[in-house]
């Protein structure tokens, strides 16, 4: 998951809850997300997470000040701004136009899934993964309807592309950004590219093979026919184009400064809010726009912050982390993927990174931490916040992915991808030692 306010290693010694009630609540939340059904009632993910947060508050497992302090305002502002832009992209018709232009070259189902995995995967390395989850969900569902693909195949392809692609860049997701800023990497873009670019490409290829295996009936020999599309009044595109230009300019500024070894000059929430300004001020119906954004997903994030803070304070999962785990690339990868399912990847990275640094951890160890905590998002629905955003947005359009539908592909895929990263990160230091005396 992404993003809860990070904690340092001193969190081991203070503010621990005297009971394990939050762990029981978390287990109940996991179970309900898996079954999504209580009697005749079909529960939404945001409702389940909100119930978990209310449970730890009512039982006194977390104080109100701590609960309020756990809510990451930067994340909420970032998502709010991007939700506004995402809704404007759909309402204006600009997303449909982009979809047609980007995917009109795909003539077969194999090519379509390939373009989604690698195209969106590359974009995820440059834009924060949650951004593409917001924008990409209506796009892939539109393609599913138009070309008679399984919506579940398209949603899984999107989720996997976003998670896997974001691993190869220091700005692809919040945990990578945390590692890039706090580990002393002089050229984070170069380092991430050297260590994670190739295994991420291989991992996307593995995903393509697995999706073809699990959705064999969708990969027929049929030819995809692309209609000529009339886009209507292009004046409606102008506010959205202004917003996208703002994102491109500010994100490019961040990349350039990062390449020169400096800290990111433009905070991500500021980029998102600036991008929302043109569509709100210049759009034809700002009231409708604000009304239609995904408020329920924002509720989910607030509730998740509160519940995860309560779980963090028990110290339960921290007790499983010791110094023996911080010197082995395979152990770092596996530990990151598993524990990130329970306490979220950003606080886990904040906990684990100082231990790696204190143990004299290598760059390979830090990159294993980045890869493992990111690829954790392919394991289960709640392994990444981008997954939840995709499912919440899909349910607004009458489609969904259940916990087990996701895990059926996600578990074997994650195991294979962890093996890919493990082999590459284990081999690379020896190769570098040969070419760099």
Protein backbone atom coordinates (compact mmCIF):
# COMPACT_ATOMS: atom_id res chain seq x y z
CA UNK A 1 0.00 0.00 0.00
CA UNK A 2 0.93 3.59 -0.17
CA UNK A 3 1.35 5.98 1.74
CA UNK A 4 1.35 6.31 5.48
CA UNK A 5 3.52 8.77 7.26
CA UNK A 6 6.89 7.15 7.82
CA UNK A 7 8.28 6.31 11.21
CA UNK A 8 11.91 5.95 12.17
CA UNK A 9 13.47 3.08 14.07
CA UNK A 10 12.82 4.80 17.40
CA UNK A 11 9.19 3.82 17.00
CA UNK A 12 10.18 0.43 18.44
CA UNK A 13 10.44 1.91 21.92
CA UNK A 14 7.41 4.13 22.31
CA UNK A 15 3.66 4.45 21.96
CA UNK A 16 3.01 0.73 21.63
CA UNK A 17 -0.54 -0.38 22.30
CA UNK A 18 -0.84 -2.75 25.28
CA UNK A 19 -3.21 -5.09 23.40
CA UNK A 20 -3.41 -6.82 20.08
CA UNK A 21 -6.99 -5.74 19.37
CA UNK A 22 -5.82 -3.72 16.32
CA UNK A 23 -4.30 -6.94 14.91
CA UNK A 24 -7.63 -8.71 15.33
CA UNK A 25 -9.42 -5.81 13.65
CA UNK A 26 -6.90 -5.88 10.79
CA UNK A 27 -7.47 -9.62 10.34
CA UNK A 28 -11.23 -9.00 10.24
CA UNK A 29 -10.73 -6.27 7.63
CA UNK A 30 -8.65 -8.66 5.51
CA UNK A 31 -11.32 -11.35 5.79
CA UNK A 32 -14.16 -9.00 4.87
CA UNK A 33 -12.24 -7.59 1.91
CA UNK A 34 -11.71 -11.17 0.77
CA UNK A 35 -15.38 -12.21 0.96
CA UNK A 36 -17.01 -8.77 0.44
CA UNK A 37 -20.34 -10.20 1.64
CA UNK A 38 -22.13 -10.15 4.99
CA UNK A 39 -25.54 -11.78 4.72
CA UNK A 40 -27.40 -10.06 1.93
CA UNK A 41 -25.13 -7.03 1.99
CA UNK A 42 -22.32 -6.57 -0.51
CA UNK A 43 -19.70 -4.43 1.23
CA UNK A 44 -17.47 -1.90 -0.48
CA UNK A 45 -13.77 -1.79 0.35
CA UNK A 46 -14.06 1.74 1.74
CA UNK A 47 -16.91 0.65 4.05
CA UNK A 48 -14.83 -2.23 5.42
CA UNK A 49 -11.78 -0.05 6.04
CA UNK A 50 -13.93 2.67 7.65
CA UNK A 51 -15.45 0.04 9.95
CA UNK A 52 -11.96 -1.07 10.98
CA UNK A 53 -10.90 2.48 11.77
CA UNK A 54 -14.04 3.11 13.79
CA UNK A 55 -13.48 -0.13 15.72
CA UNK A 56 -9.98 0.85 16.93
CA UNK A 57 -11.18 4.36 17.79
CA UNK A 58 -14.25 3.22 19.74
CA UNK A 59 -12.29 0.58 21.68
CA UNK A 60 -9.63 3.14 22.60
CA UNK A 61 -6.78 1.39 20.73
CA UNK A 62 -5.73 4.73 19.30
CA UNK A 63 -6.33 8.21 20.68
CA UNK A 64 -8.12 10.83 18.64
CA UNK A 65 -5.02 13.07 18.43
CA UNK A 66 -2.94 10.13 17.21
CA UNK A 67 -5.64 9.22 14.69
CA UNK A 68 -5.77 12.74 13.32
CA UNK A 69 -1.98 12.92 13.26
CA UNK A 70 -1.82 9.67 11.27
CA UNK A 71 -3.73 11.18 8.35
CA UNK A 72 -1.15 12.19 5.77
CA UNK A 73 -2.39 15.55 4.50
CA UNK A 74 0.11 15.54 1.62
CA UNK A 75 -1.30 12.27 0.31
CA UNK A 76 -4.90 13.46 0.70
CA UNK A 77 -4.19 16.70 -1.17
CA UNK A 78 -2.35 14.81 -3.91
CA UNK A 79 -5.24 12.38 -4.40
CA UNK A 80 -7.84 15.16 -4.25
CA UNK A 81 -6.11 17.09 -7.02
CA UNK A 82 -5.61 14.01 -9.20
CA UNK A 83 -9.20 12.85 -8.70
CA UNK A 84 -10.39 16.20 -10.02
CA UNK A 85 -8.14 15.90 -13.07
CA UNK A 86 -9.16 12.27 -13.64
CA UNK A 87 -12.84 13.14 -13.62
CA UNK A 88 -12.25 16.05 -15.99
CA UNK A 89 -10.37 13.78 -18.41
CA UNK A 90 -13.38 11.47 -18.60
CA UNK A 91 -16.09 14.15 -18.73
CA UNK A 92 -14.37 16.19 -21.45
CA UNK A 93 -13.88 13.21 -23.75
CA UNK A 94 -10.14 13.85 -23.82
CA UNK A 95 -9.41 10.45 -22.28
CA UNK A 96 -11.33 8.72 -25.07
CA UNK A 97 -9.34 10.64 -27.65
CA UNK A 98 -6.03 9.71 -26.00
CA UNK A 99 -7.13 6.10 -25.72
CA UNK A 100 -7.89 5.89 -29.41
CA UNK A 101 -4.60 7.46 -30.40
CA UNK A 102 -2.44 5.44 -28.03
CA UNK A 103 -4.00 2.04 -28.67
CA UNK A 104 -5.01 2.34 -32.33
CA UNK A 105 -1.78 0.56 -33.26
CA UNK A 106 -2.85 -2.61 -31.42
CA UNK A 107 -4.25 -5.01 -34.01
CA UNK A 108 -4.50 -8.16 -31.89
CA UNK A 109 -5.37 -8.94 -28.24
CA UNK A 110 -1.71 -9.78 -27.55
CA UNK A 111 -0.62 -6.38 -28.83
CA UNK A 112 -3.30 -4.61 -26.79
CA UNK A 113 -2.21 -6.20 -23.50
CA UNK A 114 1.44 -5.63 -24.43
CA UNK A 115 0.77 -1.92 -25.03
CA UNK A 116 -1.09 -1.60 -21.73
CA UNK A 117 1.58 -3.37 -19.69
CA UNK A 118 4.60 -1.65 -21.19
CA UNK A 119 3.02 1.69 -22.14
CA UNK A 120 1.40 2.32 -18.78
CA UNK A 121 4.37 0.68 -17.06
CA UNK A 122 6.75 3.27 -18.51
CA UNK A 123 4.37 6.11 -17.66
CA UNK A 124 4.18 4.82 -14.08
CA UNK A 125 7.92 5.29 -13.77
CA UNK A 126 7.50 9.00 -14.54
CA UNK A 127 4.16 9.78 -12.90
CA UNK A 128 3.25 8.73 -9.37
CA UNK A 129 1.45 5.36 -9.57
CA UNK A 130 -1.78 6.58 -7.96
CA UNK A 131 -2.13 9.16 -10.74
CA UNK A 132 -2.26 6.50 -13.43
CA UNK A 133 -4.67 4.40 -11.37
CA UNK A 134 -7.10 7.30 -11.35
CA UNK A 135 -6.74 8.10 -15.04
CA UNK A 136 -6.26 4.58 -16.35
CA UNK A 137 -9.31 2.80 -14.93
CA UNK A 138 -11.97 4.39 -17.15
CA UNK A 139 -9.56 4.09 -20.08
CA UNK A 140 -9.09 0.30 -19.85
CA UNK A 141 -12.76 -0.33 -19.08
CA UNK A 142 -13.64 1.63 -22.21
CA UNK A 143 -11.27 -0.57 -24.21
CA UNK A 144 -12.80 -3.69 -22.62
CA UNK A 145 -16.28 -2.65 -23.75
CA UNK A 146 -15.21 -1.62 -27.22
CA UNK A 147 -13.16 -4.73 -28.04
CA UNK A 148 -15.06 -7.29 -25.93
CA UNK A 149 -12.20 -8.02 -23.54
CA UNK A 150 -12.81 -9.34 -20.03
CA UNK A 151 -12.96 -6.28 -17.74
CA UNK A 152 -11.07 -8.31 -15.15
CA UNK A 153 -8.21 -8.91 -17.60
CA UNK A 154 -8.00 -5.20 -18.35
CA UNK A 155 -8.14 -4.16 -14.69
CA UNK A 156 -5.45 -6.69 -13.75
CA UNK A 157 -3.27 -5.54 -16.65
CA UNK A 158 -3.59 -1.95 -15.48
CA UNK A 159 -2.85 -2.75 -11.84
CA UNK A 160 0.18 -4.91 -12.68
CA UNK A 161 1.55 -2.36 -15.16
CA UNK A 162 1.27 0.47 -12.65
CA UNK A 163 2.89 -1.45 -9.79
CA UNK A 164 5.68 -3.10 -11.78
CA UNK A 165 6.53 -0.05 -13.86
CA UNK A 166 6.76 2.21 -10.83
CA UNK A 167 9.55 0.05 -9.36
CA UNK A 168 12.15 1.28 -11.87
CA UNK A 169 12.12 4.96 -10.90
CA UNK A 170 12.73 6.97 -7.71
CA UNK A 171 9.54 8.97 -8.38
CA UNK A 172 7.35 6.06 -9.45
CA UNK A 173 5.91 5.59 -5.95
CA UNK A 174 6.26 7.10 -2.46
CA UNK A 175 8.43 4.34 -0.97
CA UNK A 176 10.98 4.65 -3.77
CA UNK A 177 11.04 8.40 -3.22
CA UNK A 178 11.69 7.82 0.47
CA UNK A 179 14.65 5.55 -0.33
CA UNK A 180 16.03 8.00 -2.91
CA UNK A 181 15.92 10.95 -0.52
CA UNK A 182 17.07 9.28 2.70
CA UNK A 183 19.75 6.83 1.59
CA UNK A 184 22.36 9.25 0.26
CA UNK A 185 22.12 8.15 -3.37
CA UNK A 186 23.97 10.78 -5.40
CA UNK A 187 22.19 10.04 -8.70
CA UNK A 188 18.96 8.23 -7.80
CA UNK A 189 17.59 8.10 -11.36
CA UNK A 190 20.77 6.47 -12.66
CA UNK A 191 20.95 4.04 -9.73
CA UNK A 192 17.32 2.94 -10.00
CA UNK A 193 17.65 2.54 -13.76
CA UNK A 194 20.84 0.47 -13.46
CA UNK A 195 19.51 -1.86 -10.78
CA UNK A 196 15.77 -2.06 -11.51
CA UNK A 197 15.08 -1.11 -15.15
CA UNK A 198 15.94 -4.44 -16.78
CA UNK A 199 14.36 -6.72 -14.12
CA UNK A 200 11.23 -4.55 -14.26
CA UNK A 201 11.03 -5.04 -18.03
CA UNK A 202 11.47 -8.79 -17.59
CA UNK A 203 8.79 -8.75 -14.87
CA UNK A 204 6.36 -7.01 -17.22
CA UNK A 205 7.09 -9.72 -19.79
CA UNK A 206 6.37 -12.40 -17.17
CA UNK A 207 3.07 -10.65 -16.42
CA UNK A 208 2.17 -10.73 -20.11
CA UNK A 209 2.75 -14.50 -20.25
CA UNK A 210 0.75 -15.18 -17.06
CA UNK A 211 -2.19 -13.04 -18.14
CA UNK A 212 -2.26 -14.87 -21.45
CA UNK A 213 -2.34 -18.17 -19.55
CA UNK A 214 -5.16 -17.21 -17.16
CA UNK A 215 -7.28 -15.43 -19.79
CA UNK A 216 -6.69 -17.72 -22.76
CA UNK A 217 -10.14 -17.16 -24.26
CA UNK A 218 -9.49 -13.43 -24.59
CA UNK A 219 -6.35 -13.97 -26.64
CA UNK A 220 -7.98 -15.20 -29.83
CA UNK A 221 -6.64 -14.65 -33.32
CA UNK A 222 -9.26 -11.99 -34.04
CA UNK A 223 -8.24 -8.64 -35.49
CA UNK A 224 -9.15 -5.53 -33.49
CA UNK A 225 -11.05 -3.08 -35.66
CA UNK A 226 -10.53 0.57 -34.76
CA UNK A 227 -13.34 2.91 -35.74
CA UNK A 228 -12.85 6.47 -36.92
CA UNK A 229 -13.67 8.59 -33.90
CA UNK A 230 -15.18 12.08 -33.97
CA UNK A 231 -14.15 13.89 -30.80
CA UNK A 232 -16.80 16.57 -30.67
CA UNK A 233 -16.15 20.06 -29.33
CA UNK A 234 -12.39 20.29 -28.86
CA UNK A 235 -12.77 23.54 -26.91
CA UNK A 236 -13.62 21.31 -23.94
CA UNK A 237 -10.11 19.85 -24.18
CA UNK A 238 -8.32 23.12 -23.43
CA UNK A 239 -8.61 23.11 -19.59
CA UNK A 240 -7.51 19.46 -19.46
CA UNK A 241 -4.58 20.15 -21.78
CA UNK A 242 -3.50 23.00 -19.50
CA UNK A 243 -3.64 20.65 -16.51
CA UNK A 244 -1.59 17.95 -18.24
CA UNK A 245 0.96 20.57 -19.33
CA UNK A 246 1.35 21.68 -15.72
CA UNK A 247 2.01 18.10 -14.61
CA UNK A 248 4.53 17.58 -17.40
CA UNK A 249 6.42 20.81 -16.74
CA UNK A 250 6.59 20.44 -12.95
CA UNK A 251 7.42 16.71 -13.09
CA UNK A 252 10.18 17.40 -15.63
CA UNK A 253 11.60 20.04 -13.30
CA UNK A 254 11.68 17.45 -10.50
CA UNK A 255 13.44 14.92 -12.74
CA UNK A 256 16.07 17.41 -13.91
CA UNK A 257 16.87 18.53 -10.38
CA UNK A 258 17.02 14.92 -9.19
CA UNK A 259 19.45 14.02 -11.97
CA UNK A 260 21.70 16.82 -10.80
CA UNK A 261 21.69 15.41 -7.27
CA UNK A 262 19.31 17.90 -5.65
CA UNK A 263 16.09 17.40 -3.74
CA UNK A 264 12.75 17.61 -5.53
CA UNK A 265 11.89 21.34 -5.74
CA UNK A 266 8.15 20.91 -6.34
CA UNK A 267 6.21 18.82 -3.80
CA UNK A 268 3.91 16.24 -5.36
CA UNK A 269 0.74 17.57 -3.64
CA UNK A 270 1.50 21.01 -5.08
CA UNK A 271 1.76 19.52 -8.59
CA UNK A 272 -1.60 17.79 -8.21
CA UNK A 273 -3.38 20.87 -6.86
CA UNK A 274 -1.89 23.11 -9.56
CA UNK A 275 -3.05 20.62 -12.19
CA UNK A 276 -6.59 20.75 -10.80
CA UNK A 277 -6.85 24.55 -11.04
CA UNK A 278 -7.44 24.90 -14.83
CA UNK A 279 -10.22 22.27 -14.99
CA UNK A 280 -11.98 23.81 -11.99
CA UNK A 281 -11.70 27.45 -13.11
CA UNK A 282 -12.11 26.95 -16.87
CA UNK A 283 -14.30 23.84 -17.02
CA UNK A 284 -17.96 24.11 -18.10
CA UNK A 285 -19.51 22.68 -14.89
CA UNK A 286 -17.22 22.80 -11.87
CA UNK A 287 -20.02 21.86 -9.43
CA UNK A 288 -20.74 18.62 -11.28
CA UNK A 289 -17.01 17.96 -11.55
CA UNK A 290 -16.45 18.26 -7.81
CA UNK A 291 -19.59 16.25 -7.04
CA UNK A 292 -18.49 13.32 -9.22
CA UNK A 293 -14.94 12.84 -7.95
CA UNK A 294 -14.26 9.66 -5.99
CA UNK A 295 -14.99 10.82 -2.45
CA UNK A 296 -15.34 7.24 -1.17
CA UNK A 297 -11.72 6.44 -2.01
CA UNK A 298 -10.65 9.50 -0.03
CA UNK A 299 -12.65 8.12 2.91
CA UNK A 300 -10.84 4.79 2.44
CA UNK A 301 -7.46 6.49 2.73
CA UNK A 302 -8.38 8.41 5.87
CA UNK A 303 -9.62 5.19 7.47
CA UNK A 304 -6.56 3.26 6.33
CA UNK A 305 -4.20 5.81 7.87
CA UNK A 306 -6.00 5.50 11.22
CA UNK A 307 -6.16 1.70 11.26
CA UNK A 308 -2.55 1.26 10.14
CA UNK A 309 -1.33 3.71 12.79
CA UNK A 310 -3.16 1.68 15.42
CA UNK A 311 -1.59 -1.53 14.11
CA UNK A 312 1.82 0.15 14.01
CA UNK A 313 1.54 1.15 17.66
CA UNK A 314 1.15 -2.47 18.75
CA UNK A 315 4.69 -3.22 17.59
CA UNK A 316 3.44 -6.64 16.45
CA UNK A 317 4.92 -6.67 12.95
CA UNK A 318 8.06 -4.76 13.93
CA UNK A 319 8.93 -7.65 16.23
CA UNK A 320 9.44 -9.88 13.19
CA UNK A 321 12.16 -7.62 11.78
CA UNK A 322 15.71 -8.19 12.99
CA UNK A 323 19.21 -7.45 11.76
CA UNK A 324 19.57 -10.90 10.19
CA UNK A 325 17.07 -9.81 7.55
CA UNK A 326 18.90 -6.70 6.36
CA UNK A 327 22.02 -8.23 4.81
CA UNK A 328 20.50 -10.70 2.35
CA UNK A 329 18.87 -9.55 -0.90
CA UNK A 330 16.45 -12.54 -1.04
CA UNK A 331 15.40 -12.01 2.59
CA UNK A 332 14.88 -8.28 2.03
CA UNK A 333 12.75 -8.95 -1.06
CA UNK A 334 10.58 -11.57 0.66
CA UNK A 335 10.24 -9.69 3.95
CA UNK A 336 9.31 -6.49 2.12
CA UNK A 337 6.65 -8.21 0.00
CA UNK A 338 5.02 -9.97 2.96
CA UNK A 339 5.10 -7.37 5.72
CA UNK A 340 4.05 -4.59 3.32
CA UNK A 341 0.68 -6.34 3.09
CA UNK A 342 0.03 -5.63 6.76
CA UNK A 343 1.62 -2.33 7.79
CA UNK A 344 1.79 -0.73 4.33
CA UNK A 345 4.95 -0.32 2.31
CA UNK A 346 5.90 3.26 3.18
CA UNK A 347 6.12 2.83 6.99
CA UNK A 348 7.80 -0.52 6.42
CA UNK A 349 10.48 1.15 4.28
CA UNK A 350 10.86 3.87 6.91
CA UNK A 351 11.44 1.12 9.49
CA UNK A 352 13.67 -1.14 7.41
CA UNK A 353 15.86 1.38 5.58
CA UNK A 354 17.71 2.69 8.70
CA UNK A 355 18.46 -0.91 9.71
CA UNK A 356 19.97 -1.61 6.28
CA UNK A 357 22.05 1.57 6.47
CA UNK A 358 23.28 0.81 10.00
CA UNK A 359 24.34 -2.67 8.90
CA UNK A 360 26.43 -1.12 6.13
CA UNK A 361 23.89 -2.19 3.54
CA UNK A 362 24.87 -2.12 -0.10
CA UNK A 363 23.08 -0.39 -2.94
CA UNK A 364 21.75 -3.81 -3.95
CA UNK A 365 20.12 -4.14 -0.53
CA UNK A 366 18.44 -0.75 -0.86
CA UNK A 367 17.23 -1.59 -4.36
CA UNK A 368 15.91 -4.92 -3.06
CA UNK A 369 13.96 -2.94 -0.47
CA UNK A 370 12.52 -0.72 -3.20
CA UNK A 371 11.64 -3.66 -5.45
CA UNK A 372 10.17 -5.88 -2.74
CA UNK A 373 8.02 -3.20 -1.14
CA UNK A 374 6.74 -2.16 -4.57
CA UNK A 375 6.10 -5.59 -6.08
CA UNK A 376 4.14 -6.33 -2.89
CA UNK A 377 1.36 -4.49 -4.71
CA UNK A 378 1.01 -7.38 -7.14
CA UNK A 379 0.44 -9.93 -4.37
CA UNK A 380 -3.00 -8.91 -3.09
CA UNK A 381 -5.62 -6.22 -3.64
CA UNK A 382 -4.55 -4.31 -0.55
CA UNK A 383 -0.83 -4.60 -1.30
CA UNK A 384 -0.94 -1.22 -3.07
CA UNK A 385 -3.23 1.77 -2.73
CA UNK A 386 -3.28 2.02 -6.53
CA UNK A 387 -5.08 -1.35 -6.58
CA UNK A 388 -7.76 0.00 -4.28
CA UNK A 389 -8.15 3.13 -6.40
CA UNK A 390 -8.59 0.99 -9.51
CA UNK A 391 -11.22 -1.23 -7.90
CA UNK A 392 -13.10 1.66 -6.30
CA UNK A 393 -13.24 3.49 -9.66
CA UNK A 394 -14.22 0.29 -11.47
CA UNK A 395 -17.09 -0.32 -9.07
CA UNK A 396 -18.48 3.09 -9.96
CA UNK A 397 -18.86 1.66 -13.48
CA UNK A 398 -20.31 -1.67 -12.37
CA UNK A 399 -17.11 -3.76 -12.55
CA UNK A 400 -14.84 -5.14 -9.84
CA UNK A 401 -12.02 -7.51 -8.93
CA UNK A 402 -12.44 -9.68 -5.84
CA UNK A 403 -9.64 -10.51 -3.45
CA UNK A 404 -9.37 -14.04 -4.81
CA UNK A 405 -9.59 -13.04 -8.48
CA UNK A 406 -6.65 -10.72 -7.91
CA UNK A 407 -4.66 -13.24 -5.84
CA UNK A 408 -5.18 -16.03 -8.40
CA UNK A 409 -2.88 -14.14 -10.76
CA UNK A 410 -1.08 -11.98 -8.21
CA UNK A 411 0.44 -14.69 -6.01
CA UNK A 412 2.25 -16.67 -8.75
CA UNK A 413 3.18 -13.45 -10.55
CA UNK A 414 4.72 -11.91 -7.42
CA UNK A 415 6.73 -15.05 -6.67
CA UNK A 416 8.11 -15.09 -10.23
CA UNK A 417 8.85 -11.37 -10.19
CA UNK A 418 10.63 -11.61 -6.82
CA UNK A 419 12.78 -14.37 -8.33
CA UNK A 420 13.62 -12.12 -11.30
CA UNK A 421 14.65 -9.23 -9.05
CA UNK A 422 16.54 -11.58 -6.73
CA UNK A 423 18.61 -13.09 -9.53
CA UNK A 424 19.35 -9.70 -11.11
CA UNK A 425 20.26 -7.94 -7.86
CA UNK A 426 22.34 -10.91 -6.76
CA UNK A 427 24.24 -11.00 -10.05
CA UNK A 428 24.73 -7.28 -10.69
CA UNK A 429 27.30 -6.50 -7.93
CA UNK A 430 29.62 -9.20 -9.25
CA UNK A 431 29.20 -7.91 -12.79
CA UNK A 432 29.87 -4.33 -11.67
CA UNK A 433 33.00 -5.44 -9.83
CA UNK A 434 34.30 -6.95 -13.07
CA UNK A 435 33.74 -3.89 -15.23
CA UNK A 436 34.60 -1.26 -12.61
CA UNK A 437 37.96 -2.13 -11.00
